[in-house]
All heavy atoms as atom14 arrays in JSON, in Angstrom:
{
  "sequence": "EPGRTVSLTSTHGRVHANAVVLASNAWAASIPELAKLVVPVNSSIVVT",
  "atom14_mask": [
    [1, 1, 1, 1, 1, 1, 1, 1, 1, 0, 0, 0, 0, 0],
    [1, 1, 1, 1, 1, 1, 1, 0, 0, 0, 0, 0, 0, 0],
    [1, 1, 1, 1, 0, 0, 0, 0, 0, 0, 0, 0, 0, 0],
    [1, 1, 1, 1, 1, 1, 1, 1, 1, 1, 1, 0, 0, 0],
    [1, 1, 1, 1, 1, 1, 1, 0, 0, 0, 0, 0, 0, 0],
    [1, 1, 1, 1, 1, 1, 1, 0, 0, 0, 0, 0, 0, 0],
    [1, 1, 1, 1, 1, 1, 0, 0, 0, 0, 0, 0, 0, 0],
    [1, 1, 1, 1, 1, 1, 1, 1, 0, 0, 0, 0, 0, 0],
    [1, 1, 1, 1, 1, 1, 1, 0, 0, 0, 0, 0, 0, 0],
    [1, 1, 1, 1, 1, 1, 0, 0, 0, 0, 0, 0, 0, 0],
    [1, 1, 1, 1, 1, 1, 1, 0, 0, 0, 0, 0, 0, 0],
    [1, 1, 1, 1, 1, 1, 1, 1, 1, 1, 0, 0, 0, 0],
    [1, 1, 1, 1, 0, 0, 0, 0, 0, 0, 0, 0, 0, 0],
    [1, 1, 1, 1, 1, 1, 1, 1, 1, 1, 1, 0, 0, 0],
    [1, 1, 1, 1, 1, 1, 1, 0, 0, 0, 0, 0, 0, 0],
    [1, 1, 1, 1, 1, 1, 1, 1, 1, 1, 0, 0, 0, 0],
    [1, 1, 1, 1, 1, 0, 0, 0, 0, 0, 0, 0, 0, 0],
    [1, 1, 1, 1, 1, 1, 1, 1, 0, 0, 0, 0, 0, 0],
    [1, 1, 1, 1, 1, 0, 0, 0, 0, 0, 0, 0, 0, 0],
    [1, 1, 1, 1, 1, 1, 1, 0, 0, 0, 0, 0, 0, 0],
    [1, 1, 1, 1, 1, 1, 1, 0, 0, 0, 0, 0, 0, 0],
    [1, 1, 1, 1, 1, 1, 1, 1, 0, 0, 0, 0, 0, 0],
    [1, 1, 1, 1, 1, 0, 0, 0, 0, 0, 0, 0, 0, 0],
    [1, 1, 1, 1, 1, 1, 0, 0, 0, 0, 0, 0, 0, 0],
    [1, 1, 1, 1, 1, 1, 1, 1, 0, 0, 0, 0, 0, 0],
    [1, 1, 1, 1, 1, 0, 0, 0, 0, 0, 0, 0, 0, 0],
    [1, 1, 1, 1, 1, 1, 1, 1, 1, 1, 1, 1, 1, 1],
    [1, 1, 1, 1, 1, 0, 0, 0, 0, 0, 0, 0, 0, 0],
    [1, 1, 1, 1, 1, 0, 0, 0, 0, 0, 0, 0, 0, 0],
    [1, 1, 1, 1, 1, 1, 0, 0, 0, 0, 0, 0, 0, 0],
    [1, 1, 1, 1, 1, 1, 1, 1, 0, 0, 0, 0, 0, 0],
    [1, 1, 1, 1, 1, 1, 1, 0, 0, 0, 0, 0, 0, 0],
    [1, 1, 1, 1, 1, 1, 1, 1, 1, 0, 0, 0, 0, 0],
    [1, 1, 1, 1, 1, 1, 1, 1, 0, 0, 0, 0, 0, 0],
    [1, 1, 1, 1, 1, 0, 0, 0, 0, 0, 0, 0, 0, 0],
    [1, 1, 1, 1, 1, 1, 1, 1, 1, 0, 0, 0, 0, 0],
    [1, 1, 1, 1, 1, 1, 1, 1, 0, 0, 0, 0, 0, 0],
    [1, 1, 1, 1, 1, 1, 1, 0, 0, 0, 0, 0, 0, 0],
    [1, 1, 1, 1, 1, 1, 1, 0, 0, 0, 0, 0, 0, 0],
    [1, 1, 1, 1, 1, 1, 1, 0, 0, 0, 0, 0, 0, 0],
    [1, 1, 1, 1, 1, 1, 1, 0, 0, 0, 0, 0, 0, 0],
    [1, 1, 1, 1, 1, 1, 1, 1, 0, 0, 0, 0, 0, 0],
    [1, 1, 1, 1, 1, 1, 0, 0, 0, 0, 0, 0, 0, 0],
    [1, 1, 1, 1, 1, 1, 0, 0, 0, 0, 0, 0, 0, 0],
    [1, 1, 1, 1, 1, 1, 1, 1, 0, 0, 0, 0, 0, 0],
    [1, 1, 1, 1, 1, 1, 1, 0, 0, 0, 0, 0, 0, 0],
    [1, 1, 1, 1, 1, 1, 1, 0, 0, 0, 0, 0, 0, 0],
    [1, 1, 1, 1, 1, 1, 1, 0, 0, 0, 0, 0, 0, 0]
  ],
  "atom14_positions": [
    [[192.41, 146.02, 95.29], [192.59, 145.79, 96.72], [191.49, 146.54, 97.48], [191.51, 147.77, 97.54], [193.96, 146.28, 97.17], [195.12, 145.57, 96.48], [196.46, 146.21, 96.8], [196.54, 146.85, 97.88], [197.38, 146.09, 96.0], [0.0, 0.0, 0.0], [0.0, 0.0, 0.0], [0.0, 0.0, 0.0], [0.0, 0.0, 0.0], [0.0, 0.0, 0.0]],
    [[190.51, 145.81, 98.03], [189.4, 146.47, 98.74], [189.9, 147.18, 100.0], [190.99, 146.92, 100.51], [188.47, 145.32, 99.09], [188.9, 144.18, 98.22], [190.36, 144.35, 98.0], [0.0, 0.0, 0.0], [0.0, 0.0, 0.0], [0.0, 0.0, 0.0], [0.0, 0.0, 0.0], [0.0, 0.0, 0.0], [0.0, 0.0, 0.0], [0.0, 0.0, 0.0]],
    [[189.08, 148.07, 100.49], [189.39, 148.8, 101.7], [188.61, 150.1, 101.73], [187.83, 150.4, 100.83], [0.0, 0.0, 0.0], [0.0, 0.0, 0.0], [0.0, 0.0, 0.0], [0.0, 0.0, 0.0], [0.0, 0.0, 0.0], [0.0, 0.0, 0.0], [0.0, 0.0, 0.0], [0.0, 0.0, 0.0], [0.0, 0.0, 0.0], [0.0, 0.0, 0.0]],
    [[188.82, 150.87, 102.78], [188.16, 152.17, 102.84], [188.54, 153.01, 101.63], [187.72, 153.73, 101.06], [188.54, 152.87, 104.15], [187.78, 154.15, 104.37], [188.0, 154.66, 105.79], [187.22, 155.87, 106.03], [187.18, 156.49, 107.19], [187.84, 156.0, 108.24], [186.46, 157.58, 107.33], [0.0, 0.0, 0.0], [0.0, 0.0, 0.0], [0.0, 0.0, 0.0]],
    [[189.82, 152.93, 101.26], [190.29, 153.44, 99.98], [190.68, 152.23, 99.14], [191.45, 151.38, 99.6], [191.5, 154.37, 100.15], [191.11, 155.5, 100.93], [192.0, 154.85, 98.79], [0.0, 0.0, 0.0], [0.0, 0.0, 0.0], [0.0, 0.0, 0.0], [0.0, 0.0, 0.0], [0.0, 0.0, 0.0], [0.0, 0.0, 0.0], [0.0, 0.0, 0.0]],
    [[190.12, 152.13, 97.95], [190.36, 150.97, 97.09], [191.54, 151.28, 96.17], [191.61, 152.38, 95.6], [189.11, 150.64, 96.25], [189.35, 149.38, 95.42], [187.9, 150.47, 97.14], [0.0, 0.0, 0.0], [0.0, 0.0, 0.0], [0.0, 0.0, 0.0], [0.0, 0.0, 0.0], [0.0, 0.0, 0.0], [0.0, 0.0, 0.0], [0.0, 0.0, 0.0]],
    [[192.43, 150.31, 96.03], [193.58, 150.49, 95.13], [193.42, 149.6, 93.92], [193.17, 148.39, 94.05], [194.89, 150.14, 95.86], [195.13, 151.05, 96.91], [0.0, 0.0, 0.0], [0.0, 0.0, 0.0], [0.0, 0.0, 0.0], [0.0, 0.0, 0.0], [0.0, 0.0, 0.0], [0.0, 0.0, 0.0], [0.0, 0.0, 0.0], [0.0, 0.0, 0.0]],
    [[193.56, 150.18, 92.75], [193.47, 149.46, 91.48], [194.82, 149.53, 90.81], [195.37, 150.63, 90.58], [192.39, 150.06, 90.58], [190.97, 150.13, 91.14], [190.74, 151.48, 91.82], [189.95, 149.92, 90.05], [0.0, 0.0, 0.0], [0.0, 0.0, 0.0], [0.0, 0.0, 0.0], [0.0, 0.0, 0.0], [0.0, 0.0, 0.0], [0.0, 0.0, 0.0]],
    [[195.37, 148.37, 90.46], [196.7, 148.3, 89.9], [196.65, 147.92, 88.43], [195.95, 146.98, 88.04], [197.56, 147.27, 90.66], [197.6, 147.64, 92.04], [198.97, 147.21, 90.1], [0.0, 0.0, 0.0], [0.0, 0.0, 0.0], [0.0, 0.0, 0.0], [0.0, 0.0, 0.0], [0.0, 0.0, 0.0], [0.0, 0.0, 0.0], [0.0, 0.0, 0.0]],
    [[197.39, 148.66, 87.62], [197.58, 148.33, 86.2], [199.05, 148.1, 85.95], [199.85, 148.05, 86.89], [197.03, 149.46, 85.33], [197.07, 149.08, 83.97], [0.0, 0.0, 0.0], [0.0, 0.0, 0.0], [0.0, 0.0, 0.0], [0.0, 0.0, 0.0], [0.0, 0.0, 0.0], [0.0, 0.0, 0.0], [0.0, 0.0, 0.0], [0.0, 0.0, 0.0]],
    [[199.44, 147.96, 84.7], [200.82, 147.58, 84.36], [201.82, 148.6, 84.87], [202.86, 148.25, 85.43], [200.96, 147.43, 82.84], [199.94, 146.54, 82.37], [202.32, 146.87, 82.48], [0.0, 0.0, 0.0], [0.0, 0.0, 0.0], [0.0, 0.0, 0.0], [0.0, 0.0, 0.0], [0.0, 0.0, 0.0], [0.0, 0.0, 0.0], [0.0, 0.0, 0.0]],
    [[201.52, 149.89, 84.68], [202.5, 150.92, 85.02], [201.96, 151.96, 86.0], [202.56, 153.03, 86.13], [202.96, 151.63, 83.74], [203.59, 150.72, 82.73], [204.79, 150.09, 82.96], [203.16, 150.32, 81.51], [205.1, 149.34, 81.9], [204.13, 149.46, 81.02], [0.0, 0.0, 0.0], [0.0, 0.0, 0.0], [0.0, 0.0, 0.0], [0.0, 0.0, 0.0]],
    [[200.84, 151.67, 86.64], [200.31, 152.68, 87.53], [199.3, 152.14, 88.51], [198.93, 150.95, 88.47], [0.0, 0.0, 0.0], [0.0, 0.0, 0.0], [0.0, 0.0, 0.0], [0.0, 0.0, 0.0], [0.0, 0.0, 0.0], [0.0, 0.0, 0.0], [0.0, 0.0, 0.0], [0.0, 0.0, 0.0], [0.0, 0.0, 0.0], [0.0, 0.0, 0.0]],
    [[198.84, 153.03, 89.37], [197.88, 152.64, 90.4], [196.95, 153.82, 90.68], [197.37, 154.97, 90.65], [198.63, 152.24, 91.67], [197.74, 151.73, 92.79], [198.58, 151.44, 94.03], [199.49, 150.34, 93.79], [199.5, 149.21, 94.5], [198.65, 149.05, 95.49], [200.35, 148.27, 94.23], [0.0, 0.0, 0.0], [0.0, 0.0, 0.0], [0.0, 0.0, 0.0]],
    [[195.67, 153.49, 90.91], [194.69, 154.5, 91.29], [194.15, 154.15, 92.67], [193.8, 152.99, 92.94], [193.52, 154.56, 90.28], [192.43, 155.49, 90.79], [194.01, 155.04, 88.93], [0.0, 0.0, 0.0], [0.0, 0.0, 0.0], [0.0, 0.0, 0.0], [0.0, 0.0, 0.0], [0.0, 0.0, 0.0], [0.0, 0.0, 0.0], [0.0, 0.0, 0.0]],
    [[194.08, 155.15, 93.54], [193.49, 155.0, 94.86], [192.18, 155.77, 94.85], [192.16, 156.98, 94.59], [194.42, 155.55, 95.94], [195.81, 154.98, 95.88], [196.13, 153.73, 96.36], [196.96, 155.49, 95.34], [197.42, 153.49, 96.14], [197.95, 154.54, 95.54], [0.0, 0.0, 0.0], [0.0, 0.0, 0.0], [0.0, 0.0, 0.0], [0.0, 0.0, 0.0]],
    [[191.07, 155.08, 95.1], [189.76, 155.7, 94.94], [188.88, 155.43, 96.16], [188.98, 154.37, 96.8], [189.07, 155.16, 93.69], [0.0, 0.0, 0.0], [0.0, 0.0, 0.0], [0.0, 0.0, 0.0], [0.0, 0.0, 0.0], [0.0, 0.0, 0.0], [0.0, 0.0, 0.0], [0.0, 0.0, 0.0], [0.0, 0.0, 0.0], [0.0, 0.0, 0.0]],
    [[188.01, 156.39, 96.45], [187.06, 156.22, 97.56], [185.95, 155.24, 97.2], [185.36, 154.62, 98.09], [186.45, 157.56, 97.93], [187.48, 158.56, 98.43], [188.47, 158.16, 99.06], [187.28, 159.83, 98.15], [0.0, 0.0, 0.0], [0.0, 0.0, 0.0], [0.0, 0.0, 0.0], [0.0, 0.0, 0.0], [0.0, 0.0, 0.0], [0.0, 0.0, 0.0]],
    [[185.64, 155.12, 95.91], [184.62, 154.18, 95.44], [185.01, 153.68, 94.07], [185.71, 154.36, 93.31], [183.25, 154.85, 95.39], [0.0, 0.0, 0.0], [0.0, 0.0, 0.0], [0.0, 0.0, 0.0], [0.0, 0.0, 0.0], [0.0, 0.0, 0.0], [0.0, 0.0, 0.0], [0.0, 0.0, 0.0], [0.0, 0.0, 0.0], [0.0, 0.0, 0.0]],
    [[184.55, 152.47, 93.75], [184.87, 151.82, 92.47], [183.58, 151.33, 91.85], [182.68, 150.83, 92.55], [185.86, 150.65, 92.66], [185.98, 149.81, 91.39], [187.23, 151.18, 93.08], [0.0, 0.0, 0.0], [0.0, 0.0, 0.0], [0.0, 0.0, 0.0], [0.0, 0.0, 0.0], [0.0, 0.0, 0.0], [0.0, 0.0, 0.0], [0.0, 0.0, 0.0]],
    [[183.48, 151.46, 90.54], [182.37, 150.9, 89.77], [182.95, 149.89, 88.78], [183.85, 150.22, 88.01], [181.6, 151.99, 89.0], [180.61, 151.35, 88.03], [180.87, 152.9, 89.98], [0.0, 0.0, 0.0], [0.0, 0.0, 0.0], [0.0, 0.0, 0.0], [0.0, 0.0, 0.0], [0.0, 0.0, 0.0], [0.0, 0.0, 0.0], [0.0, 0.0, 0.0]],
    [[182.43, 148.68, 88.82], [182.82, 147.64, 87.87], [181.82, 147.65, 86.72], [180.67, 147.26, 86.89], [182.85, 146.27, 88.55], [183.79, 146.15, 89.75], [183.66, 144.77, 90.39], [185.24, 146.41, 89.35], [0.0, 0.0, 0.0], [0.0, 0.0, 0.0], [0.0, 0.0, 0.0], [0.0, 0.0, 0.0], [0.0, 0.0, 0.0], [0.0, 0.0, 0.0]],
    [[182.27, 148.14, 85.57], [181.41, 148.24, 84.39], [182.08, 147.54, 83.21], [182.09, 148.04, 82.09], [181.15, 149.72, 84.06], [0.0, 0.0, 0.0], [0.0, 0.0, 0.0], [0.0, 0.0, 0.0], [0.0, 0.0, 0.0], [0.0, 0.0, 0.0], [0.0, 0.0, 0.0], [0.0, 0.0, 0.0], [0.0, 0.0, 0.0], [0.0, 0.0, 0.0]],
    [[182.64, 146.38, 83.5], [183.41, 145.64, 82.5], [182.61, 144.56, 81.8], [183.15, 143.77, 81.03], [184.66, 145.02, 83.15], [184.3, 144.27, 84.29], [0.0, 0.0, 0.0], [0.0, 0.0, 0.0], [0.0, 0.0, 0.0], [0.0, 0.0, 0.0], [0.0, 0.0, 0.0], [0.0, 0.0, 0.0], [0.0, 0.0, 0.0], [0.0, 0.0, 0.0]],
    [[181.3, 144.48, 82.09], [180.39, 143.57, 81.39], [180.92, 142.15, 81.38], [181.15, 141.58, 82.41], [180.08, 144.13, 80.0], [179.36, 145.47, 80.08], [178.51, 145.65, 80.94], [179.72, 146.4, 79.23], [0.0, 0.0, 0.0], [0.0, 0.0, 0.0], [0.0, 0.0, 0.0], [0.0, 0.0, 0.0], [0.0, 0.0, 0.0], [0.0, 0.0, 0.0]],
    [[181.14, 141.54, 80.21], [181.5, 140.11, 80.16], [182.79, 139.81, 80.91], [182.94, 138.71, 81.46], [181.63, 139.67, 78.7], [0.0, 0.0, 0.0], [0.0, 0.0, 0.0], [0.0, 0.0, 0.0], [0.0, 0.0, 0.0], [0.0, 0.0, 0.0], [0.0, 0.0, 0.0], [0.0, 0.0, 0.0], [0.0, 0.0, 0.0], [0.0, 0.0, 0.0]],
    [[183.7, 140.77, 80.98], [184.96, 140.55, 81.68], [184.73, 140.43, 83.19], [185.61, 139.95, 83.91], [185.92, 141.7, 81.38], [186.59, 141.59, 80.04], [187.81, 141.03, 79.77], [186.07, 142.04, 78.78], [188.09, 141.11, 78.42], [187.04, 141.73, 77.79], [184.9, 142.67, 78.4], [186.86, 142.03, 76.44], [184.71, 142.97, 77.05], [185.69, 142.65, 76.09]],
    [[183.57, 140.84, 83.69], [183.28, 140.72, 85.11], [183.21, 139.27, 85.56], [183.29, 138.98, 86.75], [181.96, 141.43, 85.45], [0.0, 0.0, 0.0], [0.0, 0.0, 0.0], [0.0, 0.0, 0.0], [0.0, 0.0, 0.0], [0.0, 0.0, 0.0], [0.0, 0.0, 0.0], [0.0, 0.0, 0.0], [0.0, 0.0, 0.0], [0.0, 0.0, 0.0]],
    [[183.08, 138.34, 84.61], [183.01, 136.92, 84.95], [184.32, 136.4, 85.54], [184.37, 135.28, 86.04], [182.62, 136.1, 83.73], [0.0, 0.0, 0.0], [0.0, 0.0, 0.0], [0.0, 0.0, 0.0], [0.0, 0.0, 0.0], [0.0, 0.0, 0.0], [0.0, 0.0, 0.0], [0.0, 0.0, 0.0], [0.0, 0.0, 0.0], [0.0, 0.0, 0.0]],
    [[185.38, 137.2, 85.49], [186.63, 136.78, 86.12], [186.59, 136.95, 87.64], [187.49, 136.49, 88.34], [187.81, 137.58, 85.54], [187.69, 138.96, 85.88], [0.0, 0.0, 0.0], [0.0, 0.0, 0.0], [0.0, 0.0, 0.0], [0.0, 0.0, 0.0], [0.0, 0.0, 0.0], [0.0, 0.0, 0.0], [0.0, 0.0, 0.0], [0.0, 0.0, 0.0]],
    [[185.55, 137.62, 88.15], [185.39, 137.82, 89.6], [184.45, 136.75, 90.12], [183.29, 136.68, 89.69], [184.83, 139.22, 89.9], [185.79, 140.29, 89.36], [184.59, 139.41, 91.39], [185.24, 141.7, 89.43], [0.0, 0.0, 0.0], [0.0, 0.0, 0.0], [0.0, 0.0, 0.0], [0.0, 0.0, 0.0], [0.0, 0.0, 0.0], [0.0, 0.0, 0.0]],
    [[184.89, 135.86, 90.99], [184.07, 134.71, 91.4], [182.66, 135.07, 91.84], [181.7, 134.39, 91.48], [184.89, 134.08, 92.53], [186.31, 134.44, 92.2], [186.23, 135.81, 91.59], [0.0, 0.0, 0.0], [0.0, 0.0, 0.0], [0.0, 0.0, 0.0], [0.0, 0.0, 0.0], [0.0, 0.0, 0.0], [0.0, 0.0, 0.0], [0.0, 0.0, 0.0]],
    [[182.5, 136.13, 92.63], [181.18, 136.51, 93.11], [180.23, 136.88, 91.97], [179.02, 136.64, 92.04], [181.3, 137.7, 94.07], [179.98, 138.14, 94.67], [180.13, 139.29, 95.64], [181.24, 139.49, 96.18], [179.13, 140.0, 95.87], [0.0, 0.0, 0.0], [0.0, 0.0, 0.0], [0.0, 0.0, 0.0], [0.0, 0.0, 0.0], [0.0, 0.0, 0.0]],
    [[180.78, 137.43, 90.9], [179.96, 137.86, 89.76], [179.85, 136.78, 88.7], [178.89, 136.78, 87.91], [180.53, 139.14, 89.15], [180.68, 140.32, 90.1], [181.17, 141.56, 89.35], [179.38, 140.62, 90.83], [0.0, 0.0, 0.0], [0.0, 0.0, 0.0], [0.0, 0.0, 0.0], [0.0, 0.0, 0.0], [0.0, 0.0, 0.0], [0.0, 0.0, 0.0]],
    [[180.79, 135.84, 88.69], [180.79, 134.79, 87.66], [179.52, 133.95, 87.72], [179.04, 133.46, 86.69], [182.02, 133.9, 87.82], [0.0, 0.0, 0.0], [0.0, 0.0, 0.0], [0.0, 0.0, 0.0], [0.0, 0.0, 0.0], [0.0, 0.0, 0.0], [0.0, 0.0, 0.0], [0.0, 0.0, 0.0], [0.0, 0.0, 0.0], [0.0, 0.0, 0.0]],
    [[178.97, 133.79, 88.9], [177.77, 132.96, 89.02], [176.53, 133.66, 88.48], [175.51, 133.02, 88.21], [177.55, 132.56, 90.48], [177.32, 133.72, 91.42], [177.27, 133.25, 92.86], [177.06, 134.44, 93.82], [177.06, 133.98, 95.23], [0.0, 0.0, 0.0], [0.0, 0.0, 0.0], [0.0, 0.0, 0.0], [0.0, 0.0, 0.0], [0.0, 0.0, 0.0]],
    [[176.6, 134.99, 88.31], [175.45, 135.76, 87.83], [175.38, 135.86, 86.32], [174.3, 136.05, 85.75], [175.48, 137.17, 88.43], [175.43, 137.28, 89.95], [175.58, 138.73, 90.37], [174.14, 136.68, 90.48], [0.0, 0.0, 0.0], [0.0, 0.0, 0.0], [0.0, 0.0, 0.0], [0.0, 0.0, 0.0], [0.0, 0.0, 0.0], [0.0, 0.0, 0.0]],
    [[176.54, 135.8, 85.65], [176.57, 135.98, 84.2], [177.44, 134.89, 83.56], [178.35, 134.35, 84.19], [177.14, 137.36, 83.79], [176.23, 138.48, 84.26], [178.57, 137.56, 84.28], [0.0, 0.0, 0.0], [0.0, 0.0, 0.0], [0.0, 0.0, 0.0], [0.0, 0.0, 0.0], [0.0, 0.0, 0.0], [0.0, 0.0, 0.0], [0.0, 0.0, 0.0]],
    [[177.13, 134.61, 82.32], [178.0, 133.76, 81.52], [178.27, 134.5, 80.21], [177.34, 134.98, 79.56], [177.38, 132.37, 81.26], [176.06, 132.46, 80.51], [178.36, 131.47, 80.51], [0.0, 0.0, 0.0], [0.0, 0.0, 0.0], [0.0, 0.0, 0.0], [0.0, 0.0, 0.0], [0.0, 0.0, 0.0], [0.0, 0.0, 0.0], [0.0, 0.0, 0.0]],
    [[179.54, 134.66, 79.82], [179.83, 135.31, 78.55], [179.52, 134.37, 77.38], [179.97, 133.22, 77.35], [181.34, 135.59, 78.63], [181.69, 135.5, 80.08], [180.76, 134.46, 80.63], [0.0, 0.0, 0.0], [0.0, 0.0, 0.0], [0.0, 0.0, 0.0], [0.0, 0.0, 0.0], [0.0, 0.0, 0.0], [0.0, 0.0, 0.0], [0.0, 0.0, 0.0]],
    [[178.71, 134.85, 76.45], [178.42, 134.13, 75.21], [178.72, 135.07, 74.05], [178.74, 136.29, 74.21], [176.95, 133.65, 75.15], [176.65, 132.69, 76.28], [175.99, 134.83, 75.2], [0.0, 0.0, 0.0], [0.0, 0.0, 0.0], [0.0, 0.0, 0.0], [0.0, 0.0, 0.0], [0.0, 0.0, 0.0], [0.0, 0.0, 0.0], [0.0, 0.0, 0.0]],
    [[178.95, 134.47, 72.88], [179.31, 135.35, 71.77], [178.12, 135.66, 70.88], [177.09, 134.99, 70.9], [180.48, 134.77, 70.96], [180.08, 133.68, 69.99], [178.95, 133.18, 70.02], [181.0, 133.28, 69.14], [0.0, 0.0, 0.0], [0.0, 0.0, 0.0], [0.0, 0.0, 0.0], [0.0, 0.0, 0.0], [0.0, 0.0, 0.0], [0.0, 0.0, 0.0]],
    [[178.28, 136.71, 70.12], [177.35, 137.1, 69.07], [178.2, 137.53, 67.89], [179.32, 138.02, 68.09], [176.45, 138.25, 69.54], [175.46, 138.56, 68.59], [0.0, 0.0, 0.0], [0.0, 0.0, 0.0], [0.0, 0.0, 0.0], [0.0, 0.0, 0.0], [0.0, 0.0, 0.0], [0.0, 0.0, 0.0], [0.0, 0.0, 0.0], [0.0, 0.0, 0.0]],
    [[177.7, 137.34, 66.69], [178.5, 137.66, 65.5], [177.69, 138.49, 64.52], [176.46, 138.36, 64.45], [178.98, 136.37, 64.82], [179.83, 135.64, 65.69], [0.0, 0.0, 0.0], [0.0, 0.0, 0.0], [0.0, 0.0, 0.0], [0.0, 0.0, 0.0], [0.0, 0.0, 0.0], [0.0, 0.0, 0.0], [0.0, 0.0, 0.0], [0.0, 0.0, 0.0]],
    [[178.38, 139.33, 63.77], [177.75, 140.22, 62.8], [178.51, 140.15, 61.49], [179.75, 140.1, 61.48], [177.72, 141.67, 63.32], [176.88, 141.77, 64.59], [177.18, 142.63, 62.25], [176.81, 143.17, 65.19], [0.0, 0.0, 0.0], [0.0, 0.0, 0.0], [0.0, 0.0, 0.0], [0.0, 0.0, 0.0], [0.0, 0.0, 0.0], [0.0, 0.0, 0.0]],
    [[177.76, 140.15, 60.39], [178.35, 140.32, 59.06], [177.75, 141.58, 58.45], [176.61, 141.96, 58.74], [178.09, 139.1, 58.14], [178.75, 137.85, 58.72], [176.6, 138.86, 57.93], [0.0, 0.0, 0.0], [0.0, 0.0, 0.0], [0.0, 0.0, 0.0], [0.0, 0.0, 0.0], [0.0, 0.0, 0.0], [0.0, 0.0, 0.0], [0.0, 0.0, 0.0]],
    [[178.53, 142.25, 57.6], [178.1, 143.49, 56.97], [178.33, 143.39, 55.47], [179.39, 142.93, 55.02], [178.87, 144.7, 57.54], [178.46, 146.0, 56.84], [178.63, 144.83, 59.04], [0.0, 0.0, 0.0], [0.0, 0.0, 0.0], [0.0, 0.0, 0.0], [0.0, 0.0, 0.0], [0.0, 0.0, 0.0], [0.0, 0.0, 0.0], [0.0, 0.0, 0.0]],
    [[177.34, 143.8, 54.69], [177.45, 143.74, 53.24], [178.16, 144.97, 52.69], [178.32, 145.99, 53.37], [176.07, 143.67, 52.57], [175.41, 144.93, 52.73], [175.21, 142.57, 53.16], [0.0, 0.0, 0.0], [0.0, 0.0, 0.0], [0.0, 0.0, 0.0], [0.0, 0.0, 0.0], [0.0, 0.0, 0.0], [0.0, 0.0, 0.0], [0.0, 0.0, 0.0]]
  ]
}
């Protein structure tokens, strides 16, 4: 919830913060403003 103080809600709690940093990488595509900037693609690794 944007505002002068931003509220972030999780399953069992809430944080009220003066500033927020979104560092969720591919998951940021769920935010419409950011979805147009990135597209999540996969990469795969095998190990011997």
